[in-house]
Amino acid sequence: MEPVAILFDQLREIARGSIEILPQIAVAIVVLILTVLLNKLVKYGMGKALSNTNLRQSLKELFSLLISILVWVLGLMIAAVIVFPGLTPSSILAGLGIGSVAIGFAFKDVFENFLAGIIILFRREMRIGDFIECEDLEGKVEQIAIRESHIRQTDGQLVIVPNSILFKNPLTVRTDQDKRRVTVICGVAYDEDVDQSRDVIRKAVESCDTVYQDDKPIQIFAQEFASSSINFEVTWWTGSKPVDVRRSRDQVVGAVKRALDDAGIEIPFPYRTLTFKEALPVKQQNRDRSPETGEADPQPSA
């Protein structure tokens, strides 16, 4: 019976201890309820304060999240100290430090994307609505979240990109400015006058309404002696969005083609000249006469 008596004694001690800490548990529950109310109050005040700023919506949500985490950490620490008086804030922080190291190794990629997201949110160069290119990915930025960003490609597909990729790799913001330079290559035949061809191309580009001419010059340079043409590098400025670039390139190419045709300037096809080491013999075969007409039927020559 002694083991049974010992077991009952231990159960009585546990029950007595639980009854003794009931007031502390009640106080801890009150602290948690107050933490919930304080968290809502702080988030409401933070939202009111940030509503008058020009910060991004994602950045405002980040600040609210960080404040909420801070309030909950403080509330849980106070509740833990009340329930377990032996705990001290220093011992709790030490335990959190050891735990954070283990969690950091386990969730390395998650924290990497989280920190990259915070840095990206503070950037001014990449905004919602910008067209970007990164790691063979090109599209419009629709959302910048804490861990990931949403990129809408020009074909309509949505790509969810981890923020660490946008942070660690070279990123091209195509719509950082309102204007963007476009270049096409135009070739004319070797028999044509270079200066006349340049003037015709320039007037054709100047006639396009998608070409910005106020403070950005149209540049046309003879670039190279190609295999069958003299190539001109035609450069102008237009809108920075992809659709602006495609529309302007279409208009300029059509205008240049029409202008060169009207001026009688040839845009040559690729020429190929075959040279043989020895002369090739050409033989004429006999042609048979047609029995109906009496005329000779043409025969291919070799």
C-alpha atoms as a PDB file:
ATOM      1  CA  MET A   1       0.000   0.000   0.000  1.00  0.00           C
ATOM      2  CA  GLU A   2       2.952   2.300   0.438  1.00  0.00           C
ATOM      3  CA  PRO A   3       3.341   3.013  -3.321  1.00  0.00           C
ATOM      4  CA  VAL A   4      -0.350   3.832  -3.550  1.00  0.00           C
ATOM      5  CA  ALA A   5      -0.071   6.160  -0.561  1.00  0.00           C
ATOM      6  CA  ILE A   6       2.929   7.861  -2.107  1.00  0.00           C
ATOM      7  CA  LEU A   7       1.010   8.321  -5.364  1.00  0.00           C
ATOM      8  CA  PHE A   8      -1.959   9.857  -3.565  1.00  0.00           C
ATOM      9  CA  ASP A   9       0.371  12.177  -1.661  1.00  0.00           C
ATOM     10  CA  GLN A  10       1.933  13.357  -4.917  1.00  0.00           C
ATOM     11  CA  LEU A  11      -1.494  13.919  -6.466  1.00  0.00           C
ATOM     12  CA  ARG A  12      -2.573  15.922  -3.402  1.00  0.00           C
ATOM     13  CA  GLU A  13       0.566  18.044  -3.663  1.00  0.00           C
ATOM     14  CA  ILE A  14      -0.092  18.665  -7.356  1.00  0.00           C
ATOM     15  CA  ALA A  15      -3.703  19.603  -6.656  1.00  0.00           C
ATOM     16  CA  ARG A  16      -2.655  21.856  -3.776  1.00  0.00           C
ATOM     17  CA  GLY A  17      -0.053  23.533  -5.967  1.00  0.00           C
ATOM     18  CA  SER A  18      -2.529  24.014  -8.777  1.00  0.00           C
ATOM     19  CA  ILE A  19      -5.046  25.565  -6.378  1.00  0.00           C
ATOM     20  CA  GLU A  20      -2.382  27.861  -4.969  1.00  0.00           C
ATOM     21  CA  ILE A  21      -1.463  29.244  -8.412  1.00  0.00           C
ATOM     22  CA  LEU A  22      -5.079  29.707  -9.525  1.00  0.00           C
ATOM     23  CA  PRO A  23      -5.016  33.411  -8.564  1.00  0.00           C
ATOM     24  CA  GLN A  24      -1.804  33.871 -10.557  1.00  0.00           C
ATOM     25  CA  ILE A  25      -3.344  32.095 -13.563  1.00  0.00           C
ATOM     26  CA  ALA A  26      -6.389  34.353 -13.296  1.00  0.00           C
ATOM     27  CA  VAL A  27      -4.172  37.435 -13.219  1.00  0.00           C
ATOM     28  CA  ALA A  28      -2.192  36.102 -16.201  1.00  0.00           C
ATOM     29  CA  ILE A  29      -5.440  35.606 -18.154  1.00  0.00           C
ATOM     30  CA  VAL A  30      -6.406  39.191 -17.348  1.00  0.00           C
ATOM     31  CA  VAL A  31      -2.977  40.317 -18.604  1.00  0.00           C
ATOM     32  CA  LEU A  32      -3.512  38.424 -21.882  1.00  0.00           C
ATOM     33  CA  ILE A  33      -6.951  40.000 -22.311  1.00  0.00           C
ATOM     34  CA  LEU A  34      -5.420  43.424 -21.708  1.00  0.00           C
ATOM     35  CA  THR A  35      -2.707  42.534 -24.235  1.00  0.00           C
ATOM     36  CA  VAL A  36      -5.363  41.803 -26.868  1.00  0.00           C
ATOM     37  CA  LEU A  37      -7.080  45.127 -26.186  1.00  0.00           C
ATOM     38  CA  LEU A  38      -3.771  47.014 -26.142  1.00  0.00           C
ATOM     39  CA  ASN A  39      -2.741  45.381 -29.408  1.00  0.00           C
ATOM     40  CA  LYS A  40      -5.948  46.518 -31.120  1.00  0.00           C
ATOM     41  CA  LEU A  41      -5.571  50.009 -29.691  1.00  0.00           C
ATOM     42  CA  VAL A  42      -1.938  50.306 -30.799  1.00  0.00           C
ATOM     43  CA  LYS A  43      -2.706  48.992 -34.304  1.00  0.00           C
ATOM     44  CA  TYR A  44      -5.584  51.460 -34.616  1.00  0.00           C
ATOM     45  CA  GLY A  45      -3.382  54.348 -33.516  1.00  0.00           C
ATOM     46  CA  MET A  46      -0.579  53.203 -35.819  1.00  0.00           C
ATOM     47  CA  GLY A  47      -3.002  53.015 -38.741  1.00  0.00           C
ATOM     48  CA  LYS A  48      -4.253  56.536 -38.053  1.00  0.00           C
ATOM     49  CA  ALA A  49      -0.705  57.882 -37.784  1.00  0.00           C
ATOM     50  CA  LEU A  50       0.482  56.192 -40.987  1.00  0.00           C
ATOM     51  CA  SER A  51      -2.596  57.089 -43.018  1.00  0.00           C
ATOM     52  CA  ASN A  52      -1.302  60.646 -43.442  1.00  0.00           C
ATOM     53  CA  THR A  53       2.079  59.511 -44.776  1.00  0.00           C
ATOM     54  CA  ASN A  54       3.182  58.622 -48.312  1.00  0.00           C
ATOM     55  CA  LEU A  55       4.481  55.214 -47.317  1.00  0.00           C
ATOM     56  CA  ARG A  56       3.535  52.149 -49.343  1.00  0.00           C
ATOM     57  CA  GLN A  57       0.607  50.104 -48.092  1.00  0.00           C
ATOM     58  CA  SER A  58       2.868  47.076 -47.654  1.00  0.00           C
ATOM     59  CA  LEU A  59       5.249  49.152 -45.544  1.00  0.00           C
ATOM     60  CA  LYS A  60       2.375  50.332 -43.352  1.00  0.00           C
ATOM     61  CA  GLU A  61       1.297  46.732 -42.852  1.00  0.00           C
ATOM     62  CA  LEU A  62       4.875  45.838 -41.922  1.00  0.00           C
ATOM     63  CA  PHE A  63       5.001  48.511 -39.202  1.00  0.00           C
ATOM     64  CA  SER A  64       1.660  47.341 -37.814  1.00  0.00           C
ATOM     65  CA  LEU A  65       2.894  43.750 -37.767  1.00  0.00           C
ATOM     66  CA  LEU A  66       6.112  44.632 -35.946  1.00  0.00           C
ATOM     67  CA  ILE A  67       4.246  46.688 -33.339  1.00  0.00           C
ATOM     68  CA  SER A  68       1.759  43.847 -32.843  1.00  0.00           C
ATOM     69  CA  ILE A  69       4.600  41.343 -32.341  1.00  0.00           C
ATOM     70  CA  LEU A  70       6.254  43.639 -29.797  1.00  0.00           C
ATOM     71  CA  VAL A  71       3.037  44.080 -27.798  1.00  0.00           C
ATOM     72  CA  TRP A  72       2.397  40.333 -27.725  1.00  0.00           C
ATOM     73  CA  VAL A  73       5.957  39.506 -26.674  1.00  0.00           C
ATOM     74  CA  LEU A  74       5.734  41.932 -23.758  1.00  0.00           C
ATOM     75  CA  GLY A  75       2.281  40.643 -22.759  1.00  0.00           C
ATOM     76  CA  LEU A  76       3.366  36.996 -22.845  1.00  0.00           C
ATOM     77  CA  MET A  77       6.519  37.769 -20.832  1.00  0.00           C
ATOM     78  CA  ILE A  78       4.496  39.516 -18.113  1.00  0.00           C
ATOM     79  CA  ALA A  79       1.961  36.668 -17.994  1.00  0.00           C
ATOM     80  CA  ALA A  80       4.758  34.067 -17.755  1.00  0.00           C
ATOM     81  CA  VAL A  81       6.429  35.922 -14.873  1.00  0.00           C
ATOM     82  CA  ILE A  82       3.113  36.129 -13.008  1.00  0.00           C
ATOM     83  CA  VAL A  83       2.380  32.410 -13.352  1.00  0.00           C
ATOM     84  CA  PHE A  84       5.968  31.334 -12.671  1.00  0.00           C
ATOM     85  CA  PRO A  85       7.502  33.816 -10.212  1.00  0.00           C
ATOM     86  CA  GLY A  86      10.873  32.108 -10.524  1.00  0.00           C
ATOM     87  CA  LEU A  87      11.205  33.377 -14.061  1.00  0.00           C
ATOM     88  CA  THR A  88      12.944  36.673 -14.672  1.00  0.00           C
ATOM     89  CA  PRO A  89      12.971  38.822 -17.801  1.00  0.00           C
ATOM     90  CA  SER A  90      16.676  38.072 -18.250  1.00  0.00           C
ATOM     91  CA  SER A  91      16.149  34.309 -18.174  1.00  0.00           C
ATOM     92  CA  ILE A  92      13.259  34.611 -20.634  1.00  0.00           C
ATOM     93  CA  LEU A  93      15.386  36.703 -23.008  1.00  0.00           C
ATOM     94  CA  ALA A  94      18.231  34.192 -22.692  1.00  0.00           C
ATOM     95  CA  GLY A  95      15.862  31.364 -23.584  1.00  0.00           C
ATOM     96  CA  LEU A  96      14.521  33.353 -26.511  1.00  0.00           C
ATOM     97  CA  GLY A  97      18.066  33.954 -27.697  1.00  0.00           C
ATOM     98  CA  ILE A  98      18.952  30.266 -27.702  1.00  0.00           C
ATOM     99  CA  GLY A  99      15.649  29.390 -29.328  1.00  0.00           C
ATOM    100  CA  SER A 100      16.038  32.075 -31.978  1.00  0.00           C
ATOM    101  CA  VAL A 101      19.382  30.605 -33.058  1.00  0.00           C
ATOM    102  CA  ALA A 102      17.814  27.188 -33.572  1.00  0.00           C
ATOM    103  CA  ILE A 103      14.804  28.686 -35.320  1.00  0.00           C
ATOM    104  CA  GLY A 104      17.098  30.806 -37.485  1.00  0.00           C
ATOM    105  CA  PHE A 105      18.936  27.749 -38.785  1.00  0.00           C
ATOM    106  CA  ALA A 106      15.685  25.880 -39.371  1.00  0.00           C
ATOM    107  CA  PHE A 107      13.968  28.743 -41.208  1.00  0.00           C
ATOM    108  CA  LYS A 108      16.945  30.375 -42.882  1.00  0.00           C
ATOM    109  CA  ASP A 109      15.246  30.894 -46.239  1.00  0.00           C
ATOM    110  CA  VAL A 110      12.089  32.267 -44.638  1.00  0.00           C
ATOM    111  CA  PHE A 111      13.998  34.879 -42.618  1.00  0.00           C
ATOM    112  CA  GLU A 112      16.165  35.701 -45.632  1.00  0.00           C
ATOM    113  CA  ASN A 113      13.095  36.489 -47.709  1.00  0.00           C
ATOM    114  CA  PHE A 114      11.576  38.398 -44.785  1.00  0.00           C
ATOM    115  CA  LEU A 115      14.612  40.667 -44.366  1.00  0.00           C
ATOM    116  CA  ALA A 116      14.912  41.093 -48.143  1.00  0.00           C
ATOM    117  CA  GLY A 117      11.239  42.088 -48.238  1.00  0.00           C
ATOM    118  CA  ILE A 118      11.787  44.764 -45.583  1.00  0.00           C
ATOM    119  CA  ILE A 119      14.723  46.226 -47.532  1.00  0.00           C
ATOM    120  CA  ILE A 120      12.769  46.145 -50.806  1.00  0.00           C
ATOM    121  CA  LEU A 121       9.835  47.913 -49.158  1.00  0.00           C
ATOM    122  CA  PHE A 122      12.146  50.751 -48.161  1.00  0.00           C
ATOM    123  CA  ARG A 123      13.458  51.091 -51.705  1.00  0.00           C
ATOM    124  CA  ARG A 124      12.184  53.981 -53.738  1.00  0.00           C
ATOM    125  CA  GLU A 125      13.397  52.631 -57.087  1.00  0.00           C
ATOM    126  CA  MET A 126      10.894  49.760 -57.362  1.00  0.00           C
ATOM    127  CA  ARG A 127       7.246  50.699 -56.915  1.00  0.00           C
ATOM    128  CA  ILE A 128       3.889  49.055 -57.441  1.00  0.00           C
ATOM    129  CA  GLY A 129       3.120  49.305 -61.167  1.00  0.00           C
ATOM    130  CA  ASP A 130       6.751  49.332 -62.332  1.00  0.00           C
ATOM    131  CA  PHE A 131       7.883  47.019 -65.102  1.00  0.00           C
ATOM    132  CA  ILE A 132      11.007  45.139 -64.051  1.00  0.00           C
ATOM    133  CA  GLU A 133      13.352  42.446 -65.343  1.00  0.00           C
ATOM    134  CA  CYS A 134      15.303  40.062 -63.121  1.00  0.00           C
ATOM    135  CA  GLU A 135      16.754  36.624 -63.862  1.00  0.00           C
ATOM    136  CA  ASP A 136      14.933  36.201 -67.219  1.00  0.00           C
ATOM    137  CA  LEU A 137      11.705  37.315 -65.540  1.00  0.00           C
ATOM    138  CA  GLU A 138       9.976  40.405 -66.892  1.00  0.00           C
ATOM    139  CA  GLY A 139       6.657  41.891 -65.881  1.00  0.00           C
ATOM    140  CA  LYS A 140       4.689  44.415 -63.850  1.00  0.00           C
ATOM    141  CA  VAL A 141       4.989  44.626 -60.062  1.00  0.00           C
ATOM    142  CA  GLU A 142       1.510  44.083 -58.618  1.00  0.00           C
ATOM    143  CA  GLN A 143       2.288  43.491 -54.952  1.00  0.00           C
ATOM    144  CA  ILE A 144       5.301  43.618 -52.633  1.00  0.00           C
ATOM    145  CA  ALA A 145       4.681  41.513 -49.540  1.00  0.00           C
ATOM    146  CA  ILE A 146       6.914  40.661 -46.596  1.00  0.00           C
ATOM    147  CA  ARG A 147       8.157  37.362 -47.998  1.00  0.00           C
ATOM    148  CA  GLU A 148       7.355  37.491 -51.709  1.00  0.00           C
ATOM    149  CA  SER A 149       6.479  39.778 -54.581  1.00  0.00           C
ATOM    150  CA  HIS A 150       3.848  39.291 -57.279  1.00  0.00           C
ATOM    151  CA  ILE A 151       4.993  39.943 -60.854  1.00  0.00           C
ATOM    152  CA  ARG A 152       2.438  39.978 -63.673  1.00  0.00           C
ATOM    153  CA  GLN A 153       4.098  39.029 -66.956  1.00  0.00           C
ATOM    154  CA  THR A 154       3.123  40.731 -70.215  1.00  0.00           C
ATOM    155  CA  ASP A 155       1.331  37.551 -71.330  1.00  0.00           C
ATOM    156  CA  GLY A 156      -0.946  37.720 -68.274  1.00  0.00           C
ATOM    157  CA  GLN A 157       0.684  35.033 -66.137  1.00  0.00           C
ATOM    158  CA  LEU A 158       1.321  35.763 -62.461  1.00  0.00           C
ATOM    159  CA  VAL A 159       4.730  34.850 -61.038  1.00  0.00           C
ATOM    160  CA  ILE A 160       5.267  34.789 -57.255  1.00  0.00           C
ATOM    161  CA  VAL A 161       8.943  35.569 -56.647  1.00  0.00           C
ATOM    162  CA  PRO A 162      10.769  35.176 -53.305  1.00  0.00           C
ATOM    163  CA  ASN A 163      12.091  38.559 -52.242  1.00  0.00           C
ATOM    164  CA  SER A 164      15.628  37.222 -51.824  1.00  0.00           C
ATOM    165  CA  ILE A 165      15.846  36.709 -55.615  1.00  0.00           C
ATOM    166  CA  LEU A 166      14.921  40.340 -56.284  1.00  0.00           C
ATOM    167  CA  PHE A 167      17.351  41.499 -53.605  1.00  0.00           C
ATOM    168  CA  LYS A 168      20.442  39.436 -54.439  1.00  0.00           C
ATOM    169  CA  ASN A 169      20.340  39.602 -58.251  1.00  0.00           C
ATOM    170  CA  PRO A 170      20.675  42.552 -60.655  1.00  0.00           C
ATOM    171  CA  LEU A 171      17.278  44.160 -61.115  1.00  0.00           C
ATOM    172  CA  THR A 172      16.311  46.333 -64.098  1.00  0.00           C
ATOM    173  CA  VAL A 173      13.466  48.797 -63.487  1.00  0.00           C
ATOM    174  CA  ARG A 174      12.278  49.621 -66.998  1.00  0.00           C
ATOM    175  CA  THR A 175       9.792  52.295 -65.933  1.00  0.00           C
ATOM    176  CA  ASP A 176      12.058  54.107 -63.480  1.00  0.00           C
ATOM    177  CA  GLN A 177      11.814  57.056 -65.885  1.00  0.00           C
ATOM    178  CA  ASP A 178       8.975  58.098 -68.169  1.00  0.00           C
ATOM    179  CA  LYS A 179      11.135  57.830 -71.301  1.00  0.00           C
ATOM    180  CA  ARG A 180      13.144  54.991 -72.747  1.00  0.00           C
ATOM    181  CA  ARG A 181      15.541  54.742 -75.672  1.00  0.00           C
ATOM    182  CA  VAL A 182      14.817  52.368 -78.555  1.00  0.00           C
ATOM    183  CA  THR A 183      17.215  51.259 -81.299  1.00  0.00           C
ATOM    184  CA  VAL A 184      16.630  49.493 -84.626  1.00  0.00           C
ATOM    185  CA  ILE A 185      19.032  48.654 -87.453  1.00  0.00           C
ATOM    186  CA  CYS A 186      18.182  49.725 -91.009  1.00  0.00           C
ATOM    187  CA  GLY A 187      20.271  48.739 -94.043  1.00  0.00           C
ATOM    188  CA  VAL A 188      20.494  50.352 -97.511  1.00  0.00           C
ATOM    189  CA  ALA A 189      22.199  49.061-100.626  1.00  0.00           C
ATOM    190  CA  TYR A 190      25.816  49.922-101.379  1.00  0.00           C
ATOM    191  CA  ASP A 191      24.766  51.815-104.513  1.00  0.00           C
ATOM    192  CA  GLU A 192      22.738  54.339-102.490  1.00  0.00           C
ATOM    193  CA  ASP A 193      23.974  57.703-101.221  1.00  0.00           C
ATOM    194  CA  VAL A 194      24.708  57.497 -97.488  1.00  0.00           C
ATOM    195  CA  ASP A 195      23.889  61.118 -96.656  1.00  0.00           C
ATOM    196  CA  GLN A 196      20.620  61.072 -98.600  1.00  0.00           C
ATOM    197  CA  SER A 197      19.598  57.816 -96.942  1.00  0.00           C
ATOM    198  CA  ARG A 198      20.335  59.250 -93.511  1.00  0.00           C
ATOM    199  CA  ASP A 199      18.189  62.328 -94.205  1.00  0.00           C
ATOM    200  CA  VAL A 200      15.287  60.234 -95.471  1.00  0.00           C
ATOM    201  CA  ILE A 201      15.395  58.003 -92.392  1.00  0.00           C
ATOM    202  CA  ARG A 202      15.583  61.020 -90.059  1.00  0.00           C
ATOM    203  CA  LYS A 203      12.549  62.713 -91.604  1.00  0.00           C
ATOM    204  CA  ALA A 204      10.606  59.454 -91.383  1.00  0.00           C
ATOM    205  CA  VAL A 205      11.383  59.064 -87.672  1.00  0.00           C
ATOM    206  CA  GLU A 206      10.531  62.707 -86.991  1.00  0.00           C
ATOM    207  CA  SER A 207       7.095  62.211 -88.551  1.00  0.00           C
ATOM    208  CA  CYS A 208       6.067  59.616 -85.918  1.00  0.00           C
ATOM    209  CA  ASP A 209       3.963  60.925 -83.018  1.00  0.00           C
ATOM    210  CA  THR A 210       5.245  58.233 -80.629  1.00  0.00           C
ATOM    211  CA  VAL A 211       8.788  59.645 -80.838  1.00  0.00           C
ATOM    212  CA  TYR A 212       9.750  62.147 -78.118  1.00  0.00           C
ATOM    213  CA  GLN A 213      11.621  65.075 -79.672  1.00  0.00           C
ATOM    214  CA  ASP A 214      11.390  67.825 -77.048  1.00  0.00           C
ATOM    215  CA  ASP A 215      14.588  67.167 -75.098  1.00  0.00           C
ATOM    216  CA  LYS A 216      15.776  63.790 -76.444  1.00  0.00           C
ATOM    217  CA  PRO A 217      17.537  63.824 -79.839  1.00  0.00           C
ATOM    218  CA  ILE A 218      16.959  61.390 -82.679  1.00  0.00           C
ATOM    219  CA  GLN A 219      20.307  59.801 -83.496  1.00  0.00           C
ATOM    220  CA  ILE A 220      21.088  58.091 -86.801  1.00  0.00           C
ATOM    221  CA  PHE A 221      24.586  56.769 -87.416  1.00  0.00           C
ATOM    222  CA  ALA A 222      26.078  54.669 -90.181  1.00  0.00           C
ATOM    223  CA  GLN A 223      27.116  51.637 -88.187  1.00  0.00           C
ATOM    224  CA  GLU A 224      28.897  49.084 -90.347  1.00  0.00           C
ATOM    225  CA  PHE A 225      29.613  47.602 -93.760  1.00  0.00           C
ATOM    226  CA  ALA A 226      27.426  44.522 -93.685  1.00  0.00           C
ATOM    227  CA  SER A 227      27.466  41.636 -96.167  1.00  0.00           C
ATOM    228  CA  SER A 228      24.952  43.221 -98.536  1.00  0.00           C
ATOM    229  CA  SER A 229      24.132  46.641 -97.094  1.00  0.00           C
ATOM    230  CA  ILE A 230      25.350  49.650 -95.173  1.00  0.00           C
ATOM    231  CA  ASN A 231      23.616  49.470 -91.802  1.00  0.00           C
ATOM    232  CA  PHE A 232      22.303  52.529 -89.969  1.00  0.00           C
ATOM    233  CA  GLU A 233      21.734  52.565 -86.219  1.00  0.00           C
ATOM    234  CA  VAL A 234      18.455  54.432 -85.679  1.00  0.00           C
ATOM    235  CA  THR A 235      17.866  55.581 -82.090  1.00  0.00           C
ATOM    236  CA  TRP A 236      14.988  57.552 -80.572  1.00  0.00           C
ATOM    237  CA  TRP A 237      13.119  57.981 -77.257  1.00  0.00           C
ATOM    238  CA  THR A 238       9.569  56.946 -76.455  1.00  0.00           C
ATOM    239  CA  GLY A 239       7.442  55.837 -73.474  1.00  0.00           C
ATOM    240  CA  SER A 240       9.043  53.424 -71.030  1.00  0.00           C
ATOM    241  CA  LYS A 241       6.248  50.834 -70.831  1.00  0.00           C
ATOM    242  CA  PRO A 242       6.697  47.697 -72.969  1.00  0.00           C
ATOM    243  CA  VAL A 243       3.553  48.441 -74.988  1.00  0.00           C
ATOM    244  CA  ASP A 244       4.855  51.971 -75.676  1.00  0.00           C
ATOM    245  CA  VAL A 245       8.126  50.549 -76.989  1.00  0.00           C
ATOM    246  CA  ARG A 246       6.403  47.994 -79.238  1.00  0.00           C
ATOM    247  CA  ARG A 247       3.940  50.560 -80.594  1.00  0.00           C
ATOM    248  CA  SER A 248       6.665  53.104 -81.329  1.00  0.00           C
ATOM    249  CA  ARG A 249       8.963  50.524 -82.963  1.00  0.00           C
ATOM    250  CA  ASP A 250       6.110  49.393 -85.212  1.00  0.00           C
ATOM    251  CA  GLN A 251       5.344  52.971 -86.253  1.00  0.00           C
ATOM    252  CA  VAL A 252       8.968  53.920 -86.910  1.00  0.00           C
ATOM    253  CA  VAL A 253       9.789  50.783 -88.918  1.00  0.00           C
ATOM    254  CA  GLY A 254       6.717  51.300 -91.096  1.00  0.00           C
ATOM    255  CA  ALA A 255       7.473  54.994 -91.647  1.00  0.00           C
ATOM    256  CA  VAL A 256      11.118  54.332 -92.568  1.00  0.00           C
ATOM    257  CA  LYS A 257      10.138  51.579 -95.006  1.00  0.00           C
ATOM    258  CA  ARG A 258       7.598  53.819 -96.765  1.00  0.00           C
ATOM    259  CA  ALA A 259      10.007  56.766 -96.891  1.00  0.00           C
ATOM    260  CA  LEU A 260      12.829  54.704 -98.414  1.00  0.00           C
ATOM    261  CA  ASP A 261      10.451  53.205-100.982  1.00  0.00           C
ATOM    262  CA  ASP A 262       9.147  56.651-101.946  1.00  0.00           C
ATOM    263  CA  ALA A 263      12.715  57.951-102.336  1.00  0.00           C
ATOM    264  CA  GLY A 264      13.692  54.976-104.512  1.00  0.00           C
ATOM    265  CA  ILE A 265      16.320  53.813-101.999  1.00  0.00           C
ATOM    266  CA  GLU A 266      16.787  50.064-101.969  1.00  0.00           C
ATOM    267  CA  ILE A 267      16.630  47.973 -98.823  1.00  0.00           C
ATOM    268  CA  PRO A 268      18.561  44.969-100.139  1.00  0.00           C
ATOM    269  CA  PHE A 269      17.980  41.297 -99.632  1.00  0.00           C
ATOM    270  CA  PRO A 270      21.028  39.315 -98.527  1.00  0.00           C
ATOM    271  CA  TYR A 271      23.226  38.641-101.571  1.00  0.00           C
ATOM    272  CA  ARG A 272      25.287  35.481-102.037  1.00  0.00           C
ATOM    273  CA  THR A 273      28.062  35.213-104.618  1.00  0.00           C
ATOM    274  CA  LEU A 274      29.327  31.717-105.429  1.00  0.00           C
ATOM    275  CA  THR A 275      32.912  31.387-106.678  1.00  0.00           C
ATOM    276  CA  PHE A 276      34.239  28.136-108.093  1.00  0.00           C
ATOM    277  CA  LYS A 277      37.884  27.242-108.244  1.00  0.00           C
ATOM    278  CA  GLU A 278      37.617  25.850-111.781  1.00  0.00           C
ATOM    279  CA  ALA A 279      35.371  26.799-114.680  1.00  0.00           C
ATOM    280  CA  LEU A 280      32.212  24.746-114.923  1.00  0.00           C
ATOM    281  CA  PRO A 281      31.428  23.319-118.388  1.00  0.00           C
ATOM    282  CA  VAL A 282      27.995  24.165-119.766  1.00  0.00           C
ATOM    283  CA  LYS A 283      26.506  21.733-122.281  1.00  0.00           C
ATOM    284  CA  GLN A 284      23.507  22.304-124.542  1.00  0.00           C
ATOM    285  CA  GLN A 285      21.379  19.199-125.012  1.00  0.00           C
ATOM    286  CA  ASN A 286      19.513  18.419-128.237  1.00  0.00           C
ATOM    287  CA  ARG A 287      15.905  19.460-128.241  1.00  0.00           C
ATOM    288  CA  ASP A 288      13.263  17.116-129.623  1.00  0.00           C
ATOM    289  CA  ARG A 289      10.528  18.488-131.851  1.00  0.00           C
ATOM    290  CA  SER A 290       6.934  18.056-130.834  1.00  0.00           C
ATOM    291  CA  PRO A 291       5.001  15.815-133.225  1.00  0.00           C
ATOM    292  CA  GLU A 292       1.863  17.988-132.902  1.00  0.00           C
ATOM    293  CA  THR A 293       3.350  21.449-133.413  1.00  0.00           C
ATOM    294  CA  GLY A 294       6.669  20.731-135.062  1.00  0.00           C
ATOM    295  CA  GLU A 295       8.359  23.084-132.581  1.00  0.00           C
ATOM    296  CA  ALA A 296      11.336  22.210-130.478  1.00  0.00           C
ATOM    297  CA  ASP A 297      10.597  21.321-126.836  1.00  0.00           C
ATOM    298  CA  PRO A 298      12.905  23.196-124.473  1.00  0.00           C
ATOM    299  CA  GLN A 299      15.225  20.951-122.499  1.00  0.00           C
ATOM    300  CA  PRO A 300      17.055  21.920-119.355  1.00  0.00           C
ATOM    301  CA  SER A 301      20.740  22.607-119.752  1.00  0.00           C
ATOM    302  CA  ALA A 302      23.395  21.198-117.439  1.00  0.00           C
END
